[in-house]
N, C-alpha and C. Protein backbone atom coordinates (compact mmCIF):
# COMPACT_ATOMS: atom_id res chain seq x y z
N MET A 1 33.57 2.74 -21.92
CA MET A 1 32.41 2.00 -21.84
C MET A 1 31.55 2.92 -21.16
N SER A 2 30.19 3.01 -21.74
CA SER A 2 29.01 3.87 -21.19
C SER A 2 28.41 3.20 -20.02
N GLU A 3 27.65 4.04 -19.41
CA GLU A 3 27.06 3.52 -18.16
C GLU A 3 25.80 2.47 -18.55
N ASP A 4 25.42 2.72 -19.73
CA ASP A 4 24.18 1.81 -20.34
C ASP A 4 24.44 0.58 -20.58
N GLU A 5 25.86 0.34 -20.58
CA GLU A 5 26.29 -1.06 -20.87
C GLU A 5 26.10 -2.01 -19.67
N ASN A 6 26.05 -1.31 -18.55
CA ASN A 6 25.85 -2.08 -17.34
C ASN A 6 24.32 -2.27 -16.95
N VAL A 7 23.39 -1.70 -17.82
CA VAL A 7 22.02 -1.69 -17.54
C VAL A 7 21.25 -2.87 -18.23
N LEU A 8 20.47 -3.62 -17.54
CA LEU A 8 19.73 -4.69 -18.21
C LEU A 8 18.34 -4.24 -18.13
N ASN A 9 17.72 -4.11 -19.38
CA ASN A 9 16.33 -3.95 -19.62
C ASN A 9 15.48 -4.95 -19.76
N PHE A 10 14.40 -5.13 -18.93
CA PHE A 10 13.41 -6.01 -19.06
C PHE A 10 12.16 -5.67 -19.94
N LYS A 11 11.79 -6.29 -20.89
CA LYS A 11 10.40 -5.98 -21.51
C LYS A 11 9.38 -7.01 -21.09
N TYR A 12 8.30 -6.71 -20.83
CA TYR A 12 7.33 -7.43 -20.30
C TYR A 12 6.36 -7.91 -21.58
N LYS A 13 5.95 -9.18 -21.78
CA LYS A 13 4.99 -9.55 -23.03
C LYS A 13 3.94 -10.10 -22.14
N PHE A 14 2.66 -9.75 -22.43
CA PHE A 14 1.68 -10.52 -21.85
C PHE A 14 0.99 -11.29 -22.90
N SER A 15 0.42 -12.54 -22.68
CA SER A 15 -0.40 -13.30 -23.54
C SER A 15 -1.67 -12.79 -23.76
N GLU A 16 -2.35 -13.07 -24.84
CA GLU A 16 -3.53 -12.14 -25.41
C GLU A 16 -4.64 -12.66 -24.29
N ASP A 17 -4.69 -13.78 -23.63
CA ASP A 17 -5.70 -14.23 -22.70
C ASP A 17 -5.28 -13.87 -21.06
N TYR A 18 -4.14 -12.96 -20.97
CA TYR A 18 -3.95 -12.52 -19.77
C TYR A 18 -4.88 -12.04 -19.05
N ASN A 19 -5.28 -12.37 -17.72
CA ASN A 19 -6.64 -11.86 -17.10
C ASN A 19 -6.16 -12.03 -15.63
N PRO A 20 -5.85 -10.88 -14.77
CA PRO A 20 -5.53 -11.25 -13.40
C PRO A 20 -6.77 -11.78 -12.64
N HIS A 21 -6.65 -12.51 -11.64
CA HIS A 21 -7.58 -13.13 -10.78
C HIS A 21 -7.51 -12.56 -9.51
N TYR A 22 -8.68 -12.37 -8.96
CA TYR A 22 -8.64 -12.11 -7.30
C TYR A 22 -8.55 -13.46 -6.73
N VAL A 23 -7.74 -13.49 -5.58
CA VAL A 23 -7.53 -14.75 -4.70
C VAL A 23 -7.70 -14.27 -3.27
N ASN A 24 -8.11 -15.09 -2.63
CA ASN A 24 -8.11 -14.80 -0.96
C ASN A 24 -7.59 -15.95 -0.27
N GLY A 25 -6.86 -16.86 -0.79
CA GLY A 25 -6.24 -17.86 -0.32
C GLY A 25 -5.31 -18.71 -1.13
N ALA A 26 -4.60 -19.62 -0.50
CA ALA A 26 -3.61 -20.37 -1.22
C ALA A 26 -3.53 -21.73 -0.56
N TYR A 27 -3.31 -22.96 -1.34
CA TYR A 27 -3.12 -24.20 -0.79
C TYR A 27 -1.96 -24.94 -1.48
N GLY A 28 -1.18 -25.74 -1.05
CA GLY A 28 -0.21 -26.26 -1.75
C GLY A 28 0.83 -26.89 -0.91
N GLY A 29 2.18 -27.15 -1.30
CA GLY A 29 3.17 -27.69 -0.55
C GLY A 29 4.26 -27.95 -1.25
N ILE A 30 5.16 -28.96 -0.95
CA ILE A 30 6.31 -29.35 -1.56
C ILE A 30 6.09 -30.57 -2.57
N SER A 31 6.48 -30.50 -3.76
CA SER A 31 6.34 -31.39 -4.72
C SER A 31 7.43 -32.56 -4.49
N PRO A 32 7.30 -33.89 -5.03
CA PRO A 32 8.21 -34.78 -5.05
C PRO A 32 9.54 -34.49 -5.34
N THR A 33 9.59 -33.53 -6.34
CA THR A 33 10.92 -33.05 -6.97
C THR A 33 11.63 -31.93 -6.10
N GLY A 34 10.91 -31.49 -4.85
CA GLY A 34 11.46 -30.42 -4.04
C GLY A 34 10.99 -29.08 -4.37
N GLU A 35 10.11 -28.94 -5.20
CA GLU A 35 9.68 -27.57 -5.71
C GLU A 35 8.41 -27.10 -4.94
N ILE A 36 8.16 -25.91 -4.82
CA ILE A 36 6.90 -25.27 -3.99
C ILE A 36 5.89 -25.13 -5.05
N VAL A 37 4.66 -25.81 -4.56
CA VAL A 37 3.50 -25.83 -5.42
C VAL A 37 2.46 -24.84 -4.76
N VAL A 38 2.03 -23.88 -5.37
CA VAL A 38 1.01 -22.98 -4.58
C VAL A 38 -0.21 -22.89 -5.62
N ASN A 39 -1.39 -23.39 -5.15
CA ASN A 39 -2.64 -23.21 -5.96
C ASN A 39 -3.42 -22.11 -5.26
N PHE A 40 -3.62 -21.13 -6.09
CA PHE A 40 -4.40 -19.83 -5.55
C PHE A 40 -5.90 -20.18 -5.77
N TYR A 41 -6.80 -19.77 -4.80
CA TYR A 41 -8.11 -19.92 -4.79
C TYR A 41 -9.03 -18.67 -4.25
N PHE A 42 -10.31 -18.67 -4.72
CA PHE A 42 -11.09 -17.66 -4.21
C PHE A 42 -12.21 -18.42 -3.40
N GLU A 43 -12.40 -18.04 -2.36
CA GLU A 43 -13.35 -18.87 -1.19
C GLU A 43 -14.45 -18.13 -1.07
N ARG A 44 -15.74 -18.87 -1.39
CA ARG A 44 -17.06 -18.11 -1.26
C ARG A 44 -17.99 -19.16 -0.75
N THR A 45 -19.29 -18.59 -0.37
CA THR A 45 -20.39 -19.56 -0.17
C THR A 45 -20.97 -20.01 -1.63
N PRO A 46 -21.60 -21.03 -1.55
CA PRO A 46 -22.13 -21.56 -2.82
C PRO A 46 -23.57 -20.85 -3.19
N VAL A 47 -23.86 -20.75 -4.30
CA VAL A 47 -25.14 -20.33 -4.91
C VAL A 47 -25.86 -21.48 -5.07
N PRO A 48 -27.14 -21.59 -4.66
CA PRO A 48 -28.10 -22.71 -5.00
C PRO A 48 -28.27 -23.13 -6.37
N TYR A 49 -28.31 -24.30 -6.93
CA TYR A 49 -28.56 -24.60 -8.19
C TYR A 49 -29.95 -24.02 -8.70
N GLU A 50 -30.93 -24.27 -7.61
CA GLU A 50 -32.18 -23.94 -7.95
C GLU A 50 -32.80 -23.30 -6.73
N GLU A 51 -33.93 -22.47 -6.87
CA GLU A 51 -34.51 -21.99 -5.76
C GLU A 51 -35.94 -21.60 -6.37
N LYS A 52 -36.93 -22.09 -5.54
CA LYS A 52 -38.44 -22.00 -5.90
C LYS A 52 -39.08 -20.99 -4.88
N VAL A 53 -39.67 -19.92 -5.34
CA VAL A 53 -40.18 -18.79 -4.56
C VAL A 53 -41.84 -18.53 -4.70
N GLN A 54 -42.45 -18.40 -3.77
CA GLN A 54 -43.95 -18.08 -3.81
C GLN A 54 -43.95 -16.53 -4.63
N THR A 55 -44.79 -16.65 -5.75
CA THR A 55 -44.75 -15.24 -6.26
C THR A 55 -45.59 -14.18 -5.52
N GLU A 56 -46.56 -14.51 -4.77
CA GLU A 56 -47.34 -13.37 -3.95
C GLU A 56 -46.43 -12.70 -3.04
N ASP A 57 -45.84 -13.40 -2.05
CA ASP A 57 -45.11 -12.69 -0.91
C ASP A 57 -43.58 -12.83 -1.02
N GLY A 58 -43.07 -13.50 -1.84
CA GLY A 58 -41.61 -13.63 -2.05
C GLY A 58 -41.08 -14.71 -1.28
N GLU A 59 -41.72 -15.40 -0.40
CA GLU A 59 -41.17 -16.32 0.54
C GLU A 59 -40.49 -17.50 -0.15
N THR A 60 -39.30 -17.76 0.36
CA THR A 60 -38.52 -18.90 -0.27
C THR A 60 -39.22 -20.19 0.25
N VAL A 61 -39.50 -21.02 -0.84
CA VAL A 61 -40.18 -22.31 -0.62
C VAL A 61 -39.15 -23.49 -0.51
N GLU A 62 -38.41 -23.56 -1.48
CA GLU A 62 -37.31 -24.67 -1.64
C GLU A 62 -36.15 -24.07 -2.46
N VAL A 63 -34.99 -24.63 -1.82
CA VAL A 63 -33.66 -24.37 -2.25
C VAL A 63 -32.96 -25.65 -2.63
N LYS A 64 -32.33 -25.74 -3.86
CA LYS A 64 -31.63 -27.07 -4.23
C LYS A 64 -30.17 -26.82 -4.43
N PRO A 65 -29.20 -27.58 -3.93
CA PRO A 65 -29.49 -28.43 -2.90
C PRO A 65 -29.70 -27.81 -1.42
N LYS A 66 -30.54 -28.82 -0.83
CA LYS A 66 -30.86 -28.32 0.45
C LYS A 66 -29.88 -28.01 1.47
N ASN A 67 -28.62 -28.55 1.31
CA ASN A 67 -27.52 -28.26 2.09
C ASN A 67 -26.50 -27.47 1.61
N HIS A 68 -26.87 -26.68 0.61
CA HIS A 68 -25.86 -25.58 0.10
C HIS A 68 -25.20 -24.83 0.98
N GLU A 69 -25.87 -24.26 2.04
CA GLU A 69 -25.35 -23.31 3.09
C GLU A 69 -24.28 -24.05 4.11
N GLU A 70 -24.17 -25.41 3.91
CA GLU A 70 -23.21 -26.29 4.78
C GLU A 70 -21.76 -26.41 3.98
N ASN A 71 -21.85 -25.93 2.73
CA ASN A 71 -20.57 -25.97 1.95
C ASN A 71 -19.89 -24.70 1.74
N MET A 72 -18.55 -24.84 1.27
CA MET A 72 -17.94 -23.66 0.83
C MET A 72 -17.14 -24.05 -0.33
N ILE A 73 -17.25 -23.20 -1.38
CA ILE A 73 -16.58 -23.29 -2.66
C ILE A 73 -15.30 -22.62 -2.55
N ARG A 74 -14.22 -23.23 -3.08
CA ARG A 74 -12.96 -22.98 -3.33
C ARG A 74 -12.72 -22.93 -4.80
N PHE A 75 -12.84 -21.90 -5.55
CA PHE A 75 -12.51 -21.74 -6.85
C PHE A 75 -11.12 -21.60 -7.11
N VAL A 76 -10.34 -22.40 -7.78
CA VAL A 76 -8.85 -22.51 -8.07
C VAL A 76 -8.65 -22.18 -9.49
N PRO A 77 -8.39 -20.76 -9.76
CA PRO A 77 -8.22 -20.34 -11.22
C PRO A 77 -6.79 -20.56 -11.48
N THR A 78 -5.94 -20.67 -10.93
CA THR A 78 -4.44 -20.80 -11.21
C THR A 78 -3.66 -21.35 -10.02
N GLY A 79 -2.48 -21.75 -10.53
CA GLY A 79 -1.40 -22.17 -9.47
C GLY A 79 -0.05 -22.00 -10.07
N VAL A 80 1.10 -22.04 -9.21
CA VAL A 80 2.36 -21.67 -9.78
C VAL A 80 3.29 -23.01 -9.04
N VAL A 81 4.35 -23.17 -9.91
CA VAL A 81 5.46 -24.28 -9.26
C VAL A 81 6.62 -23.33 -9.50
N MET A 82 7.46 -23.30 -8.22
CA MET A 82 8.84 -22.59 -8.14
C MET A 82 9.66 -23.35 -7.47
N ASN A 83 11.10 -23.12 -7.74
CA ASN A 83 12.24 -23.54 -7.02
C ASN A 83 12.30 -22.74 -5.79
N LEU A 84 13.41 -23.18 -4.95
CA LEU A 84 13.52 -22.46 -3.74
C LEU A 84 14.04 -21.10 -3.74
N GLU A 85 14.90 -20.85 -4.78
CA GLU A 85 15.38 -19.36 -4.85
C GLU A 85 14.36 -18.52 -5.43
N SER A 86 13.35 -19.06 -6.37
CA SER A 86 12.37 -18.09 -6.79
C SER A 86 11.31 -17.86 -5.60
N ALA A 87 11.12 -18.74 -4.83
CA ALA A 87 10.17 -18.58 -3.61
C ALA A 87 10.89 -17.39 -2.72
N LYS A 88 12.15 -17.66 -2.63
CA LYS A 88 12.83 -16.70 -1.58
C LYS A 88 12.61 -15.35 -2.15
N SER A 89 12.89 -15.12 -3.50
CA SER A 89 12.85 -13.85 -4.03
C SER A 89 11.38 -13.25 -4.11
N ILE A 90 10.34 -14.09 -4.31
CA ILE A 90 8.99 -13.57 -4.20
C ILE A 90 8.74 -13.31 -2.78
N HIS A 91 9.21 -14.03 -1.77
CA HIS A 91 8.78 -13.91 -0.44
C HIS A 91 9.42 -12.43 -0.05
N ASP A 92 10.71 -12.03 -0.49
CA ASP A 92 11.40 -10.78 -0.38
C ASP A 92 10.43 -9.66 -0.72
N TRP A 93 10.07 -9.78 -2.13
CA TRP A 93 9.30 -9.08 -2.86
C TRP A 93 7.92 -8.64 -2.14
N LEU A 94 7.31 -9.83 -1.67
CA LEU A 94 6.02 -9.58 -1.10
C LEU A 94 6.22 -8.93 0.30
N GLY A 95 7.21 -9.15 0.94
CA GLY A 95 7.47 -8.52 2.41
C GLY A 95 7.75 -7.01 2.12
N GLU A 96 8.61 -6.67 1.17
CA GLU A 96 8.73 -5.28 1.00
C GLU A 96 7.40 -4.46 0.67
N HIS A 97 6.42 -4.99 -0.13
CA HIS A 97 5.31 -4.43 -0.44
C HIS A 97 4.28 -4.50 0.77
N ILE A 98 4.29 -5.41 1.68
CA ILE A 98 3.61 -5.62 2.81
C ILE A 98 3.91 -4.47 3.91
N GLU A 99 5.29 -4.25 3.93
CA GLU A 99 6.06 -3.27 4.90
C GLU A 99 5.42 -1.88 4.44
N PHE A 100 5.52 -1.65 3.22
CA PHE A 100 5.22 -0.43 2.62
C PHE A 100 3.68 0.03 3.05
N LEU A 101 2.78 -1.20 2.71
CA LEU A 101 1.31 -0.67 2.91
C LEU A 101 1.18 -0.68 4.50
N GLU A 102 1.78 -1.44 5.34
CA GLU A 102 1.62 -1.28 6.78
C GLU A 102 2.04 0.17 7.27
N ARG A 103 3.18 0.58 6.62
CA ARG A 103 3.66 1.83 7.08
C ARG A 103 2.70 3.10 6.57
N LYS A 104 2.23 2.69 5.44
CA LYS A 104 1.21 3.88 4.91
C LYS A 104 -0.13 3.82 5.65
N SER A 105 -0.50 2.81 6.42
CA SER A 105 -1.78 2.85 6.99
C SER A 105 -1.72 3.42 8.50
């Protein structure tokens, strides 16, 4: 028996629309079936729908909606659902990478 018989090779296939997303937060919890649900989001301040500006000096006259600065946008591009064992595995994997980066800095 050769050593290669004990090696499992993984090949990665990406869908044509594969597109990684930047996220800076997550929201979720436990589903009724006991799985972990994580919805990743990108949080930012909103851009006004409309802005009227005086042409001579550039002073902002009106912004719509008027309360846009009181809000925060959480754009949710994707989410994942996983069982406990998968969550533990991902937790360990993330922990290893976090420790590596912390040692490096």
